Protein backbone atom coordinates (compact mmCIF):
# COMPACT_ATOMS: atom_id res chain seq x y z
CA MET A 1 -136.32 70.42 85.94
CA ARG A 2 -134.27 67.50 84.72
CA THR A 3 -137.29 65.83 83.21
CA ALA A 4 -138.04 68.99 81.23
CA GLY A 5 -134.41 69.12 80.06
CA PHE A 6 -134.48 65.53 78.82
CA ALA A 7 -137.79 66.14 77.10
CA LEU A 8 -136.29 69.18 75.34
CA PHE A 9 -133.31 67.10 74.21
CA ALA A 10 -135.69 64.50 72.79
CA LEU A 11 -138.30 66.74 71.23
CA GLY A 12 -136.45 70.02 70.65
CA ASP A 13 -136.07 71.20 67.11
CA GLY A 14 -132.93 73.18 66.40
CA ILE A 15 -129.67 74.21 67.95
CA PRO A 16 -131.07 77.00 70.20
CA VAL A 17 -132.96 74.36 72.18
CA LEU A 18 -129.75 72.53 73.18
CA PRO A 19 -128.42 75.19 75.59
CA ALA A 20 -131.84 75.48 77.23
CA ALA A 21 -132.05 71.70 77.64
CA SER A 22 -128.51 71.62 79.03
CA VAL A 23 -129.25 74.40 81.52
CA LEU A 24 -132.32 72.51 82.72
CA SER A 25 -130.87 69.00 82.87
CA GLY A 26 -127.29 69.68 83.98
CA PRO A 27 -127.67 71.43 87.35
CA ALA A 28 -130.77 69.41 88.17
CA GLY A 29 -128.79 66.22 87.51
CA ALA A 30 -126.02 67.38 89.80
CA LEU A 31 -128.57 67.88 92.56
CA ILE A 32 -130.66 64.73 92.14
CA SER A 33 -128.07 62.19 90.94
CA PRO A 34 -126.52 61.52 94.37
CA ALA A 35 -129.99 60.99 95.86
CA VAL A 36 -130.99 58.62 93.05
CA ARG A 37 -127.78 56.60 93.39
CA THR A 38 -128.21 56.38 97.17
CA CYS A 39 -131.79 55.18 96.80
CA LEU A 40 -130.70 52.66 94.15
CA ALA A 41 -127.93 51.36 96.42
CA GLN A 42 -130.30 50.97 99.37
CA GLU A 43 -133.15 49.35 97.47
CA SER A 44 -131.20 46.99 95.18
CA GLY A 45 -130.02 44.67 97.95
CA GLU A 46 -127.76 41.83 96.81
CA ARG A 47 -128.26 42.71 93.13
CA ARG A 48 -126.55 46.08 93.53
CA ALA A 49 -123.99 45.48 90.76
CA GLU A 50 -126.70 44.54 88.26
CA ALA A 51 -128.84 47.52 89.28
CA PHE A 52 -125.99 50.00 88.79
CA ALA A 53 -124.98 48.37 85.49
CA LEU A 54 -128.52 48.72 84.15
CA PHE A 55 -128.75 52.28 85.48
CA ASN A 56 -125.54 53.23 83.67
CA VAL A 57 -126.66 51.56 80.43
CA PHE A 58 -129.80 53.68 80.33
CA ALA A 59 -127.98 56.81 81.49
CA THR A 60 -125.48 56.68 78.62
CA THR A 61 -127.53 55.20 75.78
CA GLY A 62 -128.28 58.56 74.19
CA ALA A 63 -124.63 59.54 74.19
CA HIS A 64 -123.59 56.44 72.23
CA PHE A 65 -126.42 55.82 69.79
CA ARG A 66 -127.70 58.80 67.84
CA LEU A 67 -130.40 56.64 66.27
CA PHE A 68 -131.97 56.03 69.67
CA TYR A 69 -131.45 59.56 70.98
CA VAL A 70 -135.11 60.56 70.95
CA ILE A 71 -136.20 57.28 72.52
CA SER A 72 -133.53 57.40 75.21
CA GLY A 73 -134.34 61.05 75.93
CA LEU A 74 -138.00 60.23 76.46
CA ALA A 75 -137.09 57.16 78.50
CA ALA A 76 -134.74 59.26 80.64
CA ALA A 77 -137.47 61.86 81.16
CA ALA A 78 -139.98 59.15 82.10
CA GLY A 79 -137.43 57.41 84.30
CA ASN A 80 -136.59 60.59 86.17
CA ALA A 81 -140.27 61.34 86.64
CA ALA A 82 -140.87 57.80 87.96
CA VAL A 83 -137.90 57.94 90.33
CA GLY A 84 -139.04 61.32 91.58
CA ALA A 85 -142.56 60.04 92.16
CA ALA A 86 -141.26 56.92 93.93
CA MET A 87 -138.95 58.96 96.14
CA ASP A 88 -141.80 61.36 96.92
CA ALA A 89 -144.18 58.49 97.73
CA SER A 90 -141.64 56.79 100.00
CA GLY A 91 -140.88 60.00 101.88
CA ARG A 92 -137.23 59.96 100.77
CA ALA A 93 -137.48 62.91 98.42
CA PRO A 94 -134.85 65.53 99.26
CA TRP A 95 -137.07 68.29 97.91
CA GLY A 96 -139.69 67.57 100.59
CA ARG A 97 -137.30 68.99 103.16
CA LEU A 98 -136.66 72.03 101.00
CA VAL A 99 -140.24 72.85 100.05
CA GLY A 100 -141.83 71.70 103.29
CA SER A 101 -145.01 69.83 103.86
CA GLY A 102 -146.70 72.56 105.87
CA GLU A 103 -145.59 71.06 109.17
CA ALA A 104 -143.28 72.90 111.53
CA ASP A 105 -139.70 71.60 111.48
């Protein structure tokens, strides 16, 4: 959902697209952001400060530089897709517990 929202921000043409992109990216971000930050904290080891600094740079680039808005939107969409795939591959994806893998809990 969040990936689709970021892609709409980057590629959308016109003001009516903005509310749709916000509705897609906002609530999805509220759900996935704590999981992403937890995974980042666990996996970054001793370089935690640098990892969070870089994460925050990319997370806020679009808000500060209109010139790079499309690029940062696509990068955010790709980054969210990559994080989701990595979390899914490592078995740490929170949505795996919600959707289920077909096994009895």
